[in-house]
């Protein structure tokens, strides 16, 4: 058995050797007991810290030490955001092992998760979610990681965020939900995934516009169809008193079937 002890001398868990291939896999199992991700755990054997890739092939008594976040400066925060944005997963992991707080934002309040979602780096997103980062953190424009993944069409990341319990109805500084952003950009895959998540179809931004308004104004025919089929309201007026049908009539000539649907 692998017996894991607290610094106070209490046995935390006893795990069969065959269930823990290496230190990393053991730390992942310990998260259920200690409540902290592997990046903030240190396992010691006879007062020696074990590397994450150390094999655990025989019975042993191990001590678990839980670490607070390290004190970091602004340059270190910028570094992890930049590494995440560039898809440098190994660099991000090393910074998480400091352990660095993954929820800290740079000068624009962008977190590492914002950076990874902005450019579609799934492996980095998975690391950051494993680290327990704040999925709903907002940048200076009020955007969450879900806004960025949705607007850029990274549907797999979007789905992962939703499955990880990201709040789908949060609005940015302009009042836009992720659905507004996806509809405005014509990201059909994102729109479909968000509708499946149970997002509110008819939330309005600060100008009184819904996602259907945005899709209509920007001429995204397929997105308009999907929103209408999902039951988005055709009758809501924005602050100028205009419905989605008005915008559609101006920007989507030649699609009379949709004009009739909108009316």
Protein backbone atom coordinates (compact mmCIF):
# COMPACT_ATOMS: atom_id res chain seq x y z
CA UNK A 1 0.00 0.00 0.00
CA UNK A 2 0.93 3.62 -0.50
CA UNK A 3 0.11 5.38 2.75
CA UNK A 4 -0.14 9.15 2.62
CA UNK A 5 0.26 11.11 5.85
CA UNK A 6 -0.40 14.71 6.82
CA UNK A 7 2.41 16.82 8.34
CA UNK A 8 0.62 16.35 11.67
CA UNK A 9 1.08 12.58 11.51
CA UNK A 10 -2.45 11.56 10.56
CA UNK A 11 -3.00 8.99 7.84
CA UNK A 12 -4.96 10.60 5.00
CA UNK A 13 -5.38 7.69 2.60
CA UNK A 14 -4.03 4.26 1.83
CA UNK A 15 -3.97 3.36 -1.86
CA UNK A 16 -2.96 0.07 -3.50
CA UNK A 17 0.34 0.46 -5.34
CA UNK A 18 -1.16 -0.72 -8.62
CA UNK A 19 -3.66 2.18 -8.59
CA UNK A 20 -0.94 4.85 -8.65
CA UNK A 21 1.51 4.57 -11.52
CA UNK A 22 3.51 7.65 -10.62
CA UNK A 23 3.44 10.74 -8.42
CA UNK A 24 1.25 12.69 -10.84
CA UNK A 25 -1.47 10.03 -10.89
CA UNK A 26 -1.35 9.78 -7.09
CA UNK A 27 -1.71 13.55 -6.71
CA UNK A 28 -4.77 13.50 -8.96
CA UNK A 29 -6.35 10.91 -6.68
CA UNK A 30 -5.40 12.90 -3.59
CA UNK A 31 -7.24 15.96 -4.87
CA UNK A 32 -10.50 14.30 -3.81
CA UNK A 33 -9.22 14.09 -0.24
CA UNK A 34 -7.27 17.32 0.15
CA UNK A 35 -9.32 19.60 -2.10
CA UNK A 36 -6.33 21.08 -3.94
CA UNK A 37 -5.04 20.32 -7.46
CA UNK A 38 -1.79 18.48 -8.03
CA UNK A 39 0.08 21.71 -8.73
CA UNK A 40 -0.28 22.71 -5.07
CA UNK A 41 0.70 19.34 -3.64
CA UNK A 42 4.16 18.08 -2.69
CA UNK A 43 4.77 14.45 -1.82
CA UNK A 44 7.80 13.60 0.29
CA UNK A 45 9.46 10.26 0.95
CA UNK A 46 11.92 10.35 3.83
CA UNK A 47 11.92 14.18 3.68
CA UNK A 48 12.78 14.23 -0.03
CA UNK A 49 10.33 15.87 -2.46
CA UNK A 50 9.36 13.46 -5.22
CA UNK A 51 9.29 14.62 -8.84
CA UNK A 52 5.95 14.25 -10.60
CA UNK A 53 7.28 11.59 -12.97
CA UNK A 54 8.68 9.42 -10.15
CA UNK A 55 7.37 5.85 -10.48
CA UNK A 56 5.60 4.34 -7.49
CA UNK A 57 6.17 0.62 -7.83
CA UNK A 58 6.47 -0.51 -4.21
CA UNK A 59 4.76 0.15 -0.85
CA UNK A 60 5.81 3.38 0.82
CA UNK A 61 4.91 5.94 3.45
CA UNK A 62 4.59 9.41 1.92
CA UNK A 63 3.97 12.80 3.45
CA UNK A 64 1.65 15.28 1.73
CA UNK A 65 2.37 18.99 2.02
CA UNK A 66 -0.13 21.51 0.66
CA UNK A 67 1.20 24.82 -0.61
CA UNK A 68 -0.32 28.31 -0.73
CA UNK A 69 0.01 30.27 -3.95
CA UNK A 70 3.42 31.82 -4.47
CA UNK A 71 3.85 35.58 -4.38
CA UNK A 72 4.32 36.68 -7.98
CA UNK A 73 4.90 40.02 -9.66
CA UNK A 74 3.16 41.51 -12.68
CA UNK A 75 5.79 40.18 -15.08
CA UNK A 76 5.10 36.62 -13.96
CA UNK A 77 1.37 37.10 -14.43
CA UNK A 78 2.03 38.48 -17.91
CA UNK A 79 4.27 35.48 -18.63
CA UNK A 80 1.65 32.84 -17.87
CA UNK A 81 -1.00 34.72 -19.86
CA UNK A 82 1.40 35.04 -22.80
CA UNK A 83 2.41 31.37 -22.61
CA UNK A 84 -1.24 30.31 -22.56
CA UNK A 85 -2.03 32.56 -25.50
CA UNK A 86 0.81 31.00 -27.50
CA UNK A 87 -0.15 27.44 -26.60
CA UNK A 88 3.01 26.71 -24.61
CA UNK A 89 1.51 24.05 -22.37
CA UNK A 90 4.78 22.94 -20.75
CA UNK A 91 5.63 26.52 -19.75
CA UNK A 92 2.15 27.03 -18.31
CA UNK A 93 2.45 23.81 -16.33
CA UNK A 94 5.79 24.84 -14.84
CA UNK A 95 4.32 28.14 -13.68
CA UNK A 96 1.31 26.37 -12.19
CA UNK A 97 3.74 24.25 -10.19
CA UNK A 98 5.29 27.30 -8.46
CA UNK A 99 2.36 27.23 -7.57
CA UNK A 100 1.11 30.36 -9.35
CA UNK A 101 -2.50 31.48 -9.01
CA UNK A 102 -4.01 30.81 -12.48
CA UNK A 103 -6.81 33.32 -11.92
CA UNK A 104 -4.63 36.43 -11.73
CA UNK A 105 -5.07 38.88 -14.60
CA UNK A 106 -2.60 40.99 -16.56
CA UNK A 107 -2.84 44.76 -17.19
CA UNK A 108 -6.04 44.16 -19.19
CA UNK A 109 -7.37 41.74 -16.54
CA UNK A 110 -6.92 38.85 -18.96
CA UNK A 111 -6.18 35.55 -17.26
CA UNK A 112 -4.28 32.61 -18.70
CA UNK A 113 -7.64 31.01 -19.51
CA UNK A 114 -8.61 34.06 -21.57
CA UNK A 115 -5.35 33.70 -23.48
CA UNK A 116 -5.79 29.99 -24.17
CA UNK A 117 -9.43 30.35 -25.23
CA UNK A 118 -8.67 33.33 -27.44
CA UNK A 119 -6.41 31.21 -29.65
CA UNK A 120 -7.97 27.77 -29.27
CA UNK A 121 -5.32 25.92 -27.27
CA UNK A 122 -7.30 23.01 -25.84
CA UNK A 123 -4.37 21.38 -24.02
CA UNK A 124 -3.67 24.60 -22.13
CA UNK A 125 -7.37 25.07 -21.33
CA UNK A 126 -7.46 21.56 -19.86
CA UNK A 127 -4.42 22.30 -17.69
CA UNK A 128 -5.91 25.53 -16.41
CA UNK A 129 -9.26 23.96 -15.61
CA UNK A 130 -7.42 21.19 -13.76
CA UNK A 131 -5.63 23.88 -11.75
CA UNK A 132 -8.96 25.21 -10.50
CA UNK A 133 -8.82 28.57 -12.26
CA UNK A 134 -11.77 30.94 -12.19
CA UNK A 135 -13.67 30.08 -15.37
CA UNK A 136 -15.86 33.15 -15.05
CA UNK A 137 -13.15 35.78 -14.57
CA UNK A 138 -13.68 38.87 -16.73
CA UNK A 139 -11.20 41.08 -18.55
CA UNK A 140 -11.38 44.86 -18.78
CA UNK A 141 -14.12 44.57 -21.40
CA UNK A 142 -16.15 42.24 -19.19
CA UNK A 143 -15.48 39.22 -21.38
CA UNK A 144 -15.18 35.72 -19.98
CA UNK A 145 -13.24 32.85 -21.51
CA UNK A 146 -16.57 31.58 -22.85
CA UNK A 147 -17.11 34.84 -24.75
CA UNK A 148 -13.72 34.43 -26.44
CA UNK A 149 -14.08 30.74 -27.28
CA UNK A 150 -17.58 31.35 -28.65
CA UNK A 151 -16.68 34.36 -30.78
CA UNK A 152 -13.68 32.60 -32.28
CA UNK A 153 -15.54 29.38 -33.05
CA UNK A 154 -13.62 27.03 -30.76
CA UNK A 155 -16.57 24.73 -30.18
CA UNK A 156 -14.71 21.93 -28.38
CA UNK A 157 -13.33 24.42 -25.87
CA UNK A 158 -16.75 26.03 -25.53
CA UNK A 159 -18.30 22.64 -24.74
CA UNK A 160 -15.57 21.86 -22.21
CA UNK A 161 -16.18 25.16 -20.42
CA UNK A 162 -19.91 24.50 -20.30
CA UNK A 163 -19.35 20.94 -19.04
CA UNK A 164 -17.05 22.40 -16.37
CA UNK A 165 -19.93 24.62 -15.17
CA UNK A 166 -18.98 27.98 -16.68
CA UNK A 167 -21.85 30.46 -16.36
CA UNK A 168 -23.30 30.71 -19.86
CA UNK A 169 -25.48 33.80 -19.35
CA UNK A 170 -22.81 36.21 -18.11
CA UNK A 171 -22.73 39.50 -20.02
CA UNK A 172 -19.71 41.58 -21.02
CA UNK A 173 -19.31 45.33 -20.67
CA UNK A 174 -21.69 45.93 -23.58
CA UNK A 175 -24.29 43.54 -22.23
CA UNK A 176 -23.42 40.77 -24.67
CA UNK A 177 -23.70 37.12 -23.71
CA UNK A 178 -21.55 34.51 -25.42
CA UNK A 179 -24.53 33.87 -27.71
CA UNK A 180 -24.56 37.52 -28.82
CA UNK A 181 -20.86 37.30 -29.64
CA UNK A 182 -21.18 34.02 -31.54
CA UNK A 183 -24.21 35.27 -33.49
CA UNK A 184 -22.52 38.56 -34.36
CA UNK A 185 -19.50 36.69 -35.73
CA UNK A 186 -21.58 34.10 -37.55
CA UNK A 187 -20.01 31.24 -35.60
CA UNK A 188 -22.71 28.70 -36.32
CA UNK A 189 -21.08 25.86 -34.37
CA UNK A 190 -20.77 28.05 -31.30
CA UNK A 191 -24.38 29.20 -31.61
CA UNK A 192 -25.63 25.61 -31.78
CA UNK A 193 -23.51 24.52 -28.83
CA UNK A 194 -24.65 27.45 -26.71
CA UNK A 195 -28.31 26.81 -27.52
CA UNK A 196 -27.82 23.21 -26.43
CA UNK A 197 -26.32 24.45 -23.15
CA UNK A 198 -29.59 26.10 -22.16
CA UNK A 199 -28.40 29.68 -22.60
CA UNK A 200 -31.11 32.34 -22.61
CA UNK A 201 -31.94 32.95 -26.28
CA UNK A 202 -33.49 36.37 -25.82
CA UNK A 203 -31.24 38.23 -23.40
CA UNK A 204 -30.69 41.80 -24.55
CA UNK A 205 -27.50 43.85 -24.57
CA UNK A 206 -27.24 47.46 -23.43
CA UNK A 207 -28.77 48.55 -26.75
CA UNK A 208 -31.73 46.23 -26.34
CA UNK A 209 -30.51 43.81 -29.00
CA UNK A 210 -30.77 40.04 -28.90
CA UNK A 211 -28.52 37.53 -30.61
CA UNK A 212 -31.11 37.38 -33.40
CA UNK A 213 -30.75 41.14 -33.93
CA UNK A 214 -26.97 40.71 -34.23
CA UNK A 215 -27.12 37.79 -36.63
CA UNK A 216 -29.67 39.62 -38.80
CA UNK A 217 -27.73 42.88 -38.90
CA UNK A 218 -24.54 41.09 -39.91
CA UNK A 219 -26.18 39.00 -42.61
CA UNK A 220 -25.49 35.59 -41.09
CA UNK A 221 -28.31 33.68 -42.78
CA UNK A 222 -27.57 30.23 -41.32
CA UNK A 223 -27.30 31.65 -37.82
CA UNK A 224 -30.65 33.42 -38.20
CA UNK A 225 -32.24 30.13 -39.27
CA UNK A 226 -30.82 28.25 -36.27
CA UNK A 227 -31.94 30.92 -33.80
CA UNK A 228 -35.44 31.01 -35.25
CA UNK A 229 -35.68 27.22 -35.20
CA UNK A 230 -34.62 27.32 -31.53
CA UNK A 231 -37.49 29.65 -30.74
CA UNK A 232 -35.71 33.00 -30.47
CA UNK A 233 -38.20 35.85 -30.25
CA UNK A 234 -38.86 37.71 -33.50
CA UNK A 235 -40.78 40.54 -31.87
CA UNK A 236 -38.36 42.17 -29.43
CA UNK A 237 -37.43 45.76 -30.28
CA UNK A 238 -34.06 47.32 -29.56
CA UNK A 239 -33.60 50.83 -28.14
CA UNK A 240 -34.27 52.25 -31.61
CA UNK A 241 -37.58 50.41 -31.84
CA UNK A 242 -36.27 47.98 -34.47
CA UNK A 243 -36.90 44.24 -34.57
CA UNK A 244 -34.61 41.60 -36.01
CA UNK A 245 -36.85 41.55 -39.09
CA UNK A 246 -36.01 45.18 -39.80
CA UNK A 247 -32.29 44.49 -39.80
CA UNK A 248 -32.75 41.31 -41.79
CA UNK A 249 -34.71 43.16 -44.45
CA UNK A 250 -31.90 45.69 -44.79
CA UNK A 251 -28.98 43.30 -44.93
CA UNK A 252 -30.24 39.91 -46.13
CA UNK A 253 -31.88 40.45 -49.49
CA UNK A 254 -33.24 37.48 -51.39
CA UNK A 255 -34.24 35.26 -48.46
CA UNK A 256 -37.98 35.75 -48.43
CA UNK A 257 -38.62 32.51 -46.52
CA UNK A 258 -36.80 33.96 -43.54
CA UNK A 259 -38.44 37.34 -43.94
CA UNK A 260 -41.82 35.61 -43.60
CA UNK A 261 -40.57 33.68 -40.57
CA UNK A 262 -39.37 36.86 -38.93
CA UNK A 263 -42.71 38.51 -39.52
